Amino acid sequence: MSLRDIIRITKAEITFLILVVAVTGFLAAPGASTRLIILLPLLVAGGLSSISASLFNNIYDRDIDVIMARTSYRSNIVNQENYRRFIAYSSIILIFASAVAYFLINLLTLLFILGGFVSYVLLYTMVLKRRTSLNIVIGGIAGSFPALAGWSAVTGSVSLTAIYIALLVFVWTPTHFWSLAMGTKKDYTSAGVPMLPSLVPENRAFGYIVANSGIMVIYSLLPFFLPELAVGTAYFFVAIILDAILIYFMVAIYVKNLAASSFKQAFHFSNLYLLVLLVSIWWIIA
């Protein structure tokens, strides 16, 4: 198995995002600058837990991954012949990640890390994904736990700011994933996965994306009205700019008559949207 294969089946892009969310929660917590030594075990535990969850996702979905063009390559790496070996790998990785969190950070952080794992593997992958069009909406809660883990690593507790950052990821997820799914509808139909864009007419799916994007814009601006949400000064300027660009992309999709390329552009921007918005909060430690 090549390094490229490892990166693909461990979903490095998801792990990277998970770590960015965790670092955001960590740096937003009061006293973070005096506890930077904890950041390394947080990254190790969070990153390894994410990798383990991705592997379990590949193991469970091996029957539909081979059907879907976007994921068919996974069947050459994780398949019926070797999946038991990957179960062992994934379990060992999760146990090690848990030990790092428990012994080097604290119990609450471990619980949040395991919450992210369970919500992605059990709630999303095994329960929701193949049963409901709300799969990615409810299952998106998995991306929220890293923010709570980051904050609790510093304080041993949870706050409104930590919950705000966590729900920011939750609210962002449908716009991000549905924009991607608009270009892979046939995959989900073939695999029997009820992803919303594959179940409704294109214009209606676009309506859902616009509605969720509107919710995301409103939610991103809450710190303007709730000063107890401590996200730092830079956040306010960045949020306004990013929201304006997001609205532009939604308008562009409409103007281009729902062209597949415009949804793809919106998907790529959604990655940048969350990344830049989260990183803007890092400046609070300065």
C-alpha atoms as a PDB file:
ATOM      1  CA  MET A   1       0.000   0.000   0.000  1.00  0.00           C
ATOM      2  CA  SER A   2       1.481   3.316  -1.117  1.00  0.00           C
ATOM      3  CA  LEU A   3       1.606   6.569   0.832  1.00  0.00           C
ATOM      4  CA  ARG A   4      -0.986   7.953  -1.583  1.00  0.00           C
ATOM      5  CA  ASP A   5      -3.320   5.079  -0.721  1.00  0.00           C
ATOM      6  CA  ILE A   6      -2.872   5.713   2.995  1.00  0.00           C
ATOM      7  CA  ILE A   7      -3.640   9.406   2.584  1.00  0.00           C
ATOM      8  CA  ARG A   8      -6.769   8.637   0.572  1.00  0.00           C
ATOM      9  CA  ILE A   9      -8.327   6.012   2.853  1.00  0.00           C
ATOM     10  CA  THR A  10      -7.534   7.962   6.009  1.00  0.00           C
ATOM     11  CA  LYS A  11      -9.198  11.022   4.402  1.00  0.00           C
ATOM     12  CA  ALA A  12      -6.373  13.426   5.170  1.00  0.00           C
ATOM     13  CA  GLU A  13      -8.486  16.437   4.226  1.00  0.00           C
ATOM     14  CA  ILE A  14     -11.074  15.550   6.883  1.00  0.00           C
ATOM     15  CA  THR A  15      -8.394  14.964   9.492  1.00  0.00           C
ATOM     16  CA  PHE A  16      -6.845  18.335   8.651  1.00  0.00           C
ATOM     17  CA  LEU A  17     -10.195  20.082   9.104  1.00  0.00           C
ATOM     18  CA  ILE A  18     -10.809  18.239  12.382  1.00  0.00           C
ATOM     19  CA  LEU A  19      -7.463  19.469  13.686  1.00  0.00           C
ATOM     20  CA  VAL A  20      -8.151  23.059  12.603  1.00  0.00           C
ATOM     21  CA  VAL A  21     -11.459  22.960  14.503  1.00  0.00           C
ATOM     22  CA  ALA A  22      -9.752  21.503  17.578  1.00  0.00           C
ATOM     23  CA  VAL A  23      -6.994  24.141  17.494  1.00  0.00           C
ATOM     24  CA  THR A  24      -9.645  26.858  17.186  1.00  0.00           C
ATOM     25  CA  GLY A  25     -11.427  25.625  20.305  1.00  0.00           C
ATOM     26  CA  PHE A  26      -8.085  25.361  22.087  1.00  0.00           C
ATOM     27  CA  LEU A  27      -6.821  28.846  21.236  1.00  0.00           C
ATOM     28  CA  ALA A  28     -10.173  30.484  21.977  1.00  0.00           C
ATOM     29  CA  ALA A  29     -10.094  29.152  25.538  1.00  0.00           C
ATOM     30  CA  PRO A  30      -8.834  31.501  28.274  1.00  0.00           C
ATOM     31  CA  GLY A  31      -5.307  30.638  29.346  1.00  0.00           C
ATOM     32  CA  ALA A  32      -4.459  28.809  26.131  1.00  0.00           C
ATOM     33  CA  SER A  33      -1.159  30.685  25.750  1.00  0.00           C
ATOM     34  CA  THR A  34       0.073  29.243  29.047  1.00  0.00           C
ATOM     35  CA  ARG A  35      -0.870  25.669  28.165  1.00  0.00           C
ATOM     36  CA  LEU A  36       0.479  25.290  24.635  1.00  0.00           C
ATOM     37  CA  ILE A  37       2.315  22.138  25.697  1.00  0.00           C
ATOM     38  CA  ILE A  38      -1.064  20.360  25.687  1.00  0.00           C
ATOM     39  CA  LEU A  39      -1.621  21.228  22.034  1.00  0.00           C
ATOM     40  CA  LEU A  40       0.625  18.426  20.743  1.00  0.00           C
ATOM     41  CA  PRO A  41      -1.175  15.566  22.528  1.00  0.00           C
ATOM     42  CA  LEU A  42      -4.480  17.138  21.473  1.00  0.00           C
ATOM     43  CA  LEU A  43      -3.400  17.033  17.824  1.00  0.00           C
ATOM     44  CA  VAL A  44      -2.124  13.477  18.170  1.00  0.00           C
ATOM     45  CA  ALA A  45      -5.247  12.179  19.899  1.00  0.00           C
ATOM     46  CA  GLY A  46      -7.665  14.078  17.673  1.00  0.00           C
ATOM     47  CA  GLY A  47      -5.832  13.260  14.461  1.00  0.00           C
ATOM     48  CA  LEU A  48      -5.508   9.545  15.193  1.00  0.00           C
ATOM     49  CA  SER A  49      -9.147   9.305  16.267  1.00  0.00           C
ATOM     50  CA  SER A  50     -10.187  10.919  12.975  1.00  0.00           C
ATOM     51  CA  ILE A  51      -8.013   8.500  11.020  1.00  0.00           C
ATOM     52  CA  SER A  52      -9.522   5.554  12.884  1.00  0.00           C
ATOM     53  CA  ALA A  53     -13.050   6.813  12.185  1.00  0.00           C
ATOM     54  CA  SER A  54     -12.268   7.214   8.476  1.00  0.00           C
ATOM     55  CA  LEU A  55     -10.926   3.664   8.288  1.00  0.00           C
ATOM     56  CA  PHE A  56     -14.021   2.257   9.992  1.00  0.00           C
ATOM     57  CA  ASN A  57     -16.136   4.258   7.538  1.00  0.00           C
ATOM     58  CA  ASN A  58     -14.270   2.660   4.627  1.00  0.00           C
ATOM     59  CA  ILE A  59     -14.648  -0.791   6.160  1.00  0.00           C
ATOM     60  CA  TYR A  60     -18.399  -0.460   6.661  1.00  0.00           C
ATOM     61  CA  ASP A  61     -19.027   1.167   3.269  1.00  0.00           C
ATOM     62  CA  ARG A  62     -16.928  -1.250   1.216  1.00  0.00           C
ATOM     63  CA  ASP A  63     -20.090  -2.640  -0.434  1.00  0.00           C
ATOM     64  CA  ILE A  64     -21.207   0.739  -1.790  1.00  0.00           C
ATOM     65  CA  ASP A  65     -17.777   2.317  -2.318  1.00  0.00           C
ATOM     66  CA  VAL A  66     -17.147  -0.071  -5.215  1.00  0.00           C
ATOM     67  CA  ILE A  67     -20.380   1.136  -6.877  1.00  0.00           C
ATOM     68  CA  MET A  68     -19.738   4.867  -6.602  1.00  0.00           C
ATOM     69  CA  ALA A  69     -17.327   6.403  -9.114  1.00  0.00           C
ATOM     70  CA  ARG A  70     -16.081   8.950  -6.573  1.00  0.00           C
ATOM     71  CA  THR A  71     -15.084   6.250  -4.068  1.00  0.00           C
ATOM     72  CA  SER A  72     -14.449   3.168  -6.215  1.00  0.00           C
ATOM     73  CA  TYR A  73     -10.681   3.402  -5.665  1.00  0.00           C
ATOM     74  CA  ARG A  74     -11.206   2.477  -2.007  1.00  0.00           C
ATOM     75  CA  SER A  75     -12.221  -1.052  -2.960  1.00  0.00           C
ATOM     76  CA  ASN A  76      -8.680  -1.637  -4.217  1.00  0.00           C
ATOM     77  CA  ILE A  77      -7.353  -0.819  -0.750  1.00  0.00           C
ATOM     78  CA  VAL A  78     -10.024  -1.946   1.721  1.00  0.00           C
ATOM     79  CA  ASN A  79     -12.041  -4.935   0.538  1.00  0.00           C
ATOM     80  CA  GLN A  80     -13.620  -8.239   1.527  1.00  0.00           C
ATOM     81  CA  GLU A  81     -10.271  -9.994   1.641  1.00  0.00           C
ATOM     82  CA  ASN A  82      -8.455  -7.676   4.011  1.00  0.00           C
ATOM     83  CA  TYR A  83     -11.071  -5.683   5.943  1.00  0.00           C
ATOM     84  CA  ARG A  84     -10.475  -7.651   9.168  1.00  0.00           C
ATOM     85  CA  ARG A  85      -6.874  -6.478   9.140  1.00  0.00           C
ATOM     86  CA  PHE A  86      -8.058  -2.874   8.830  1.00  0.00           C
ATOM     87  CA  ILE A  87     -10.457  -3.383  11.743  1.00  0.00           C
ATOM     88  CA  ALA A  88      -7.437  -4.350  13.839  1.00  0.00           C
ATOM     89  CA  TYR A  89      -5.430  -1.344  12.625  1.00  0.00           C
ATOM     90  CA  SER A  90      -8.299   1.037  13.294  1.00  0.00           C
ATOM     91  CA  SER A  91      -8.938  -0.353  16.756  1.00  0.00           C
ATOM     92  CA  ILE A  92      -5.295  -0.052  17.772  1.00  0.00           C
ATOM     93  CA  ILE A  93      -5.141   3.530  16.503  1.00  0.00           C
ATOM     94  CA  LEU A  94      -8.294   4.456  18.446  1.00  0.00           C
ATOM     95  CA  ILE A  95      -7.005   2.849  21.649  1.00  0.00           C
ATOM     96  CA  PHE A  96      -3.705   4.723  21.370  1.00  0.00           C
ATOM     97  CA  ALA A  97      -5.507   8.015  20.671  1.00  0.00           C
ATOM     98  CA  SER A  98      -7.725   7.447  23.701  1.00  0.00           C
ATOM     99  CA  ALA A  99      -4.732   6.711  25.925  1.00  0.00           C
ATOM    100  CA  VAL A 100      -3.006   9.927  24.832  1.00  0.00           C
ATOM    101  CA  ALA A 101      -6.126  11.990  25.566  1.00  0.00           C
ATOM    102  CA  TYR A 102      -6.766  10.366  28.935  1.00  0.00           C
ATOM    103  CA  PHE A 103      -3.234  10.345  30.335  1.00  0.00           C
ATOM    104  CA  LEU A 104      -1.840  13.538  28.791  1.00  0.00           C
ATOM    105  CA  ILE A 105      -4.928  15.784  28.706  1.00  0.00           C
ATOM    106  CA  ASN A 106      -8.092  14.984  30.677  1.00  0.00           C
ATOM    107  CA  LEU A 107     -11.155  12.758  30.779  1.00  0.00           C
ATOM    108  CA  LEU A 108     -13.576  15.341  29.367  1.00  0.00           C
ATOM    109  CA  THR A 109     -11.398  15.853  26.299  1.00  0.00           C
ATOM    110  CA  LEU A 110     -11.281  12.090  25.787  1.00  0.00           C
ATOM    111  CA  LEU A 111     -15.083  11.924  25.966  1.00  0.00           C
ATOM    112  CA  PHE A 112     -15.427  14.631  23.322  1.00  0.00           C
ATOM    113  CA  ILE A 113     -12.907  12.906  21.053  1.00  0.00           C
ATOM    114  CA  LEU A 114     -14.796   9.626  21.426  1.00  0.00           C
ATOM    115  CA  GLY A 115     -18.043  11.534  20.837  1.00  0.00           C
ATOM    116  CA  GLY A 116     -16.722  12.637  17.459  1.00  0.00           C
ATOM    117  CA  PHE A 117     -15.692   9.078  16.620  1.00  0.00           C
ATOM    118  CA  VAL A 118     -19.012   7.527  17.656  1.00  0.00           C
ATOM    119  CA  SER A 119     -21.132  10.161  15.907  1.00  0.00           C
ATOM    120  CA  TYR A 120     -19.250   9.673  12.633  1.00  0.00           C
ATOM    121  CA  VAL A 121     -18.936   5.887  12.641  1.00  0.00           C
ATOM    122  CA  LEU A 122     -22.111   4.774  14.411  1.00  0.00           C
ATOM    123  CA  LEU A 123     -24.556   7.670  14.015  1.00  0.00           C
ATOM    124  CA  TYR A 124     -23.685   8.847  10.497  1.00  0.00           C
ATOM    125  CA  THR A 125     -22.079   5.864   8.732  1.00  0.00           C
ATOM    126  CA  MET A 126     -24.066   2.975  10.204  1.00  0.00           C
ATOM    127  CA  VAL A 127     -27.425   4.513  11.157  1.00  0.00           C
ATOM    128  CA  LEU A 128     -28.210   7.630   9.117  1.00  0.00           C
ATOM    129  CA  LYS A 129     -26.317   7.500   5.829  1.00  0.00           C
ATOM    130  CA  ARG A 130     -28.408   4.786   4.161  1.00  0.00           C
ATOM    131  CA  ARG A 131     -31.721   5.556   5.869  1.00  0.00           C
ATOM    132  CA  THR A 132     -32.555   9.248   5.644  1.00  0.00           C
ATOM    133  CA  SER A 133     -32.007  12.334   3.525  1.00  0.00           C
ATOM    134  CA  LEU A 134     -31.147  14.117   6.779  1.00  0.00           C
ATOM    135  CA  ASN A 135     -28.031  11.940   7.020  1.00  0.00           C
ATOM    136  CA  ILE A 136     -25.486  14.706   6.542  1.00  0.00           C
ATOM    137  CA  VAL A 137     -27.566  17.235   8.503  1.00  0.00           C
ATOM    138  CA  ILE A 138     -27.751  15.205  11.713  1.00  0.00           C
ATOM    139  CA  GLY A 139     -24.475  13.390  11.088  1.00  0.00           C
ATOM    140  CA  GLY A 140     -22.705  16.721  10.741  1.00  0.00           C
ATOM    141  CA  ILE A 141     -22.575  16.867  14.537  1.00  0.00           C
ATOM    142  CA  ALA A 142     -19.422  14.725  14.277  1.00  0.00           C
ATOM    143  CA  GLY A 143     -17.483  17.770  13.092  1.00  0.00           C
ATOM    144  CA  SER A 144     -18.548  19.758  16.152  1.00  0.00           C
ATOM    145  CA  PHE A 145     -16.848  17.667  18.834  1.00  0.00           C
ATOM    146  CA  PRO A 146     -13.253  18.760  18.056  1.00  0.00           C
ATOM    147  CA  ALA A 147     -14.062  22.351  19.089  1.00  0.00           C
ATOM    148  CA  LEU A 148     -15.336  21.107  22.443  1.00  0.00           C
ATOM    149  CA  ALA A 149     -12.294  18.868  22.827  1.00  0.00           C
ATOM    150  CA  GLY A 150      -9.962  21.787  22.127  1.00  0.00           C
ATOM    151  CA  TRP A 151     -11.608  24.058  24.676  1.00  0.00           C
ATOM    152  CA  SER A 152     -11.830  21.371  27.369  1.00  0.00           C
ATOM    153  CA  ALA A 153      -8.154  20.495  26.863  1.00  0.00           C
ATOM    154  CA  VAL A 154      -7.330  23.936  28.259  1.00  0.00           C
ATOM    155  CA  THR A 155     -10.083  24.474  30.809  1.00  0.00           C
ATOM    156  CA  GLY A 156     -11.470  21.051  31.648  1.00  0.00           C
ATOM    157  CA  SER A 157     -14.927  22.498  30.968  1.00  0.00           C
ATOM    158  CA  VAL A 158     -17.255  23.790  28.224  1.00  0.00           C
ATOM    159  CA  SER A 159     -18.458  27.327  27.493  1.00  0.00           C
ATOM    160  CA  LEU A 160     -20.876  29.189  25.221  1.00  0.00           C
ATOM    161  CA  THR A 161     -17.963  30.168  22.980  1.00  0.00           C
ATOM    162  CA  ALA A 162     -16.903  26.535  22.597  1.00  0.00           C
ATOM    163  CA  ILE A 163     -20.474  25.525  21.768  1.00  0.00           C
ATOM    164  CA  TYR A 164     -20.731  28.391  19.268  1.00  0.00           C
ATOM    165  CA  ILE A 165     -17.599  27.247  17.418  1.00  0.00           C
ATOM    166  CA  ALA A 166     -18.829  23.640  17.491  1.00  0.00           C
ATOM    167  CA  LEU A 167     -22.213  24.557  16.003  1.00  0.00           C
ATOM    168  CA  LEU A 168     -20.543  26.750  13.383  1.00  0.00           C
ATOM    169  CA  VAL A 169     -19.133  23.557  11.856  1.00  0.00           C
ATOM    170  CA  PHE A 170     -22.493  21.812  12.223  1.00  0.00           C
ATOM    171  CA  VAL A 171     -24.363  24.589  10.382  1.00  0.00           C
ATOM    172  CA  TRP A 172     -21.716  24.723   7.643  1.00  0.00           C
ATOM    173  CA  THR A 173     -21.800  21.004   6.811  1.00  0.00           C
ATOM    174  CA  PRO A 174     -24.999  20.742   4.697  1.00  0.00           C
ATOM    175  CA  THR A 175     -24.038  23.599   2.354  1.00  0.00           C
ATOM    176  CA  HIS A 176     -20.598  22.067   1.925  1.00  0.00           C
ATOM    177  CA  PHE A 177     -21.686  18.493   1.340  1.00  0.00           C
ATOM    178  CA  TRP A 178     -24.831  19.133  -0.706  1.00  0.00           C
ATOM    179  CA  SER A 179     -22.824  21.356  -3.075  1.00  0.00           C
ATOM    180  CA  LEU A 180     -20.467  18.422  -3.622  1.00  0.00           C
ATOM    181  CA  ALA A 181     -23.325  15.943  -3.942  1.00  0.00           C
ATOM    182  CA  MET A 182     -24.925  18.004  -6.748  1.00  0.00           C
ATOM    183  CA  GLY A 183     -22.184  16.686  -9.019  1.00  0.00           C
ATOM    184  CA  THR A 184     -22.335  13.072  -7.809  1.00  0.00           C
ATOM    185  CA  LYS A 185     -26.084  12.423  -7.719  1.00  0.00           C
ATOM    186  CA  LYS A 186     -25.859   9.335  -9.932  1.00  0.00           C
ATOM    187  CA  ASP A 187     -23.369   7.781  -7.538  1.00  0.00           C
ATOM    188  CA  TYR A 188     -25.755   8.042  -4.607  1.00  0.00           C
ATOM    189  CA  THR A 189     -28.687   6.797  -6.659  1.00  0.00           C
ATOM    190  CA  SER A 190     -26.721   3.766  -7.847  1.00  0.00           C
ATOM    191  CA  ALA A 191     -25.572   2.956  -4.315  1.00  0.00           C
ATOM    192  CA  GLY A 192     -29.031   3.482  -2.828  1.00  0.00           C
ATOM    193  CA  VAL A 193     -27.853   6.254  -0.515  1.00  0.00           C
ATOM    194  CA  PRO A 194     -30.620   8.848   0.062  1.00  0.00           C
ATOM    195  CA  MET A 195     -28.431  11.935  -0.218  1.00  0.00           C
ATOM    196  CA  LEU A 196     -30.832  14.858  -0.553  1.00  0.00           C
ATOM    197  CA  PRO A 197     -29.650  16.251  -3.956  1.00  0.00           C
ATOM    198  CA  SER A 198     -30.206  12.806  -5.512  1.00  0.00           C
ATOM    199  CA  LEU A 199     -33.803  12.618  -4.249  1.00  0.00           C
ATOM    200  CA  VAL A 200     -35.305  15.944  -5.313  1.00  0.00           C
ATOM    201  CA  PRO A 201     -35.325  18.080  -8.485  1.00  0.00           C
ATOM    202  CA  GLU A 202     -32.224  20.174  -9.025  1.00  0.00           C
ATOM    203  CA  ASN A 203     -33.932  23.509  -8.398  1.00  0.00           C
ATOM    204  CA  ARG A 204     -35.364  22.245  -5.127  1.00  0.00           C
ATOM    205  CA  ALA A 205     -31.972  20.931  -4.011  1.00  0.00           C
ATOM    206  CA  PHE A 206     -30.509  24.338  -4.807  1.00  0.00           C
ATOM    207  CA  GLY A 207     -33.241  25.888  -2.670  1.00  0.00           C
ATOM    208  CA  TYR A 208     -32.140  23.772   0.276  1.00  0.00           C
ATOM    209  CA  ILE A 209     -28.522  24.811  -0.241  1.00  0.00           C
ATOM    210  CA  VAL A 210     -29.513  28.494  -0.370  1.00  0.00           C
ATOM    211  CA  ALA A 211     -31.659  28.119   2.750  1.00  0.00           C
ATOM    212  CA  ASN A 212     -28.864  26.470   4.692  1.00  0.00           C
ATOM    213  CA  SER A 213     -26.372  29.057   3.447  1.00  0.00           C
ATOM    214  CA  GLY A 214     -28.709  31.765   4.723  1.00  0.00           C
ATOM    215  CA  ILE A 215     -28.806  30.093   8.122  1.00  0.00           C
ATOM    216  CA  MET A 216     -25.018  29.864   8.053  1.00  0.00           C
ATOM    217  CA  VAL A 217     -24.636  33.574   7.281  1.00  0.00           C
ATOM    218  CA  ILE A 218     -26.998  34.556  10.080  1.00  0.00           C
ATOM    219  CA  TYR A 219     -25.304  32.194  12.530  1.00  0.00           C
ATOM    220  CA  SER A 220     -21.827  33.456  11.643  1.00  0.00           C
ATOM    221  CA  LEU A 221     -22.921  36.972  12.606  1.00  0.00           C
ATOM    222  CA  LEU A 222     -24.252  36.076  16.066  1.00  0.00           C
ATOM    223  CA  PRO A 223     -21.071  37.276  17.854  1.00  0.00           C
ATOM    224  CA  PHE A 224     -21.929  40.803  16.657  1.00  0.00           C
ATOM    225  CA  PHE A 225     -24.966  40.700  18.952  1.00  0.00           C
ATOM    226  CA  LEU A 226     -23.758  38.358  21.705  1.00  0.00           C
ATOM    227  CA  PRO A 227     -20.565  39.801  23.218  1.00  0.00           C
ATOM    228  CA  GLU A 228     -20.230  36.792  25.519  1.00  0.00           C
ATOM    229  CA  LEU A 229     -19.138  34.832  22.442  1.00  0.00           C
ATOM    230  CA  ALA A 230     -15.418  35.579  22.606  1.00  0.00           C
ATOM    231  CA  VAL A 231     -14.137  35.042  19.066  1.00  0.00           C
ATOM    232  CA  GLY A 232     -11.749  37.990  18.725  1.00  0.00           C
ATOM    233  CA  THR A 233     -11.815  41.196  16.705  1.00  0.00           C
ATOM    234  CA  ALA A 234     -10.441  39.737  13.455  1.00  0.00           C
ATOM    235  CA  TYR A 235     -13.409  37.373  13.241  1.00  0.00           C
ATOM    236  CA  PHE A 236     -15.898  40.187  12.681  1.00  0.00           C
ATOM    237  CA  PHE A 237     -14.154  41.579   9.598  1.00  0.00           C
ATOM    238  CA  VAL A 238     -13.467  38.135   8.149  1.00  0.00           C
ATOM    239  CA  ALA A 239     -17.058  36.939   8.680  1.00  0.00           C
ATOM    240  CA  ILE A 240     -18.531  39.897   6.780  1.00  0.00           C
ATOM    241  CA  ILE A 241     -16.193  39.387   3.821  1.00  0.00           C
ATOM    242  CA  LEU A 242     -16.695  35.624   3.651  1.00  0.00           C
ATOM    243  CA  ASP A 243     -20.480  35.902   3.946  1.00  0.00           C
ATOM    244  CA  ALA A 244     -20.549  38.397   1.084  1.00  0.00           C
ATOM    245  CA  ILE A 245     -18.508  36.043  -1.099  1.00  0.00           C
ATOM    246  CA  LEU A 246     -20.735  33.101  -0.157  1.00  0.00           C
ATOM    247  CA  ILE A 247     -23.826  35.064  -1.200  1.00  0.00           C
ATOM    248  CA  TYR A 248     -22.057  35.868  -4.483  1.00  0.00           C
ATOM    249  CA  PHE A 249     -21.510  32.156  -5.161  1.00  0.00           C
ATOM    250  CA  MET A 250     -25.175  31.384  -4.471  1.00  0.00           C
ATOM    251  CA  VAL A 251     -26.235  34.126  -6.906  1.00  0.00           C
ATOM    252  CA  ALA A 252     -23.714  32.839  -9.464  1.00  0.00           C
ATOM    253  CA  ILE A 253     -25.243  29.364  -9.326  1.00  0.00           C
ATOM    254  CA  TYR A 254     -28.665  30.853 -10.089  1.00  0.00           C
ATOM    255  CA  VAL A 255     -27.352  33.088 -12.882  1.00  0.00           C
ATOM    256  CA  LYS A 256     -25.567  30.121 -14.483  1.00  0.00           C
ATOM    257  CA  ASN A 257     -28.801  28.093 -14.472  1.00  0.00           C
ATOM    258  CA  LEU A 258     -27.584  25.643 -11.839  1.00  0.00           C
ATOM    259  CA  ALA A 259     -24.550  24.581 -13.866  1.00  0.00           C
ATOM    260  CA  ALA A 260     -22.585  21.709 -12.336  1.00  0.00           C
ATOM    261  CA  SER A 261     -19.383  23.758 -12.504  1.00  0.00           C
ATOM    262  CA  SER A 262     -20.927  26.507 -10.355  1.00  0.00           C
ATOM    263  CA  PHE A 263     -21.849  24.010  -7.631  1.00  0.00           C
ATOM    264  CA  LYS A 264     -18.298  22.688  -7.726  1.00  0.00           C
ATOM    265  CA  GLN A 265     -16.946  26.214  -7.295  1.00  0.00           C
ATOM    266  CA  ALA A 266     -19.287  26.774  -4.347  1.00  0.00           C
ATOM    267  CA  PHE A 267     -18.108  23.508  -2.794  1.00  0.00           C
ATOM    268  CA  HIS A 268     -14.453  24.533  -3.044  1.00  0.00           C
ATOM    269  CA  PHE A 269     -15.221  27.947  -1.612  1.00  0.00           C
ATOM    270  CA  SER A 270     -17.079  26.371   1.311  1.00  0.00           C
ATOM    271  CA  ASN A 271     -13.803  24.698   2.296  1.00  0.00           C
ATOM    272  CA  LEU A 272     -12.049  28.047   2.283  1.00  0.00           C
ATOM    273  CA  TYR A 273     -14.976  29.720   4.070  1.00  0.00           C
ATOM    274  CA  LEU A 274     -14.776  27.515   7.150  1.00  0.00           C
ATOM    275  CA  LEU A 275     -10.989  27.339   7.209  1.00  0.00           C
ATOM    276  CA  VAL A 276     -10.471  31.126   7.068  1.00  0.00           C
ATOM    277  CA  LEU A 277     -13.315  31.815   9.507  1.00  0.00           C
ATOM    278  CA  LEU A 278     -11.847  29.410  12.054  1.00  0.00           C
ATOM    279  CA  VAL A 279      -8.289  30.653  11.626  1.00  0.00           C
ATOM    280  CA  SER A 280      -9.487  34.218  12.188  1.00  0.00           C
ATOM    281  CA  ILE A 281     -10.413  33.150  15.716  1.00  0.00           C
ATOM    282  CA  TRP A 282      -6.807  32.039  16.341  1.00  0.00           C
ATOM    283  CA  TRP A 283      -5.809  35.698  16.572  1.00  0.00           C
ATOM    284  CA  ILE A 284      -7.660  35.937  19.871  1.00  0.00           C
ATOM    285  CA  ILE A 285      -4.578  34.543  21.607  1.00  0.00           C
ATOM    286  CA  ALA A 286      -2.390  37.420  20.382  1.00  0.00           C
END
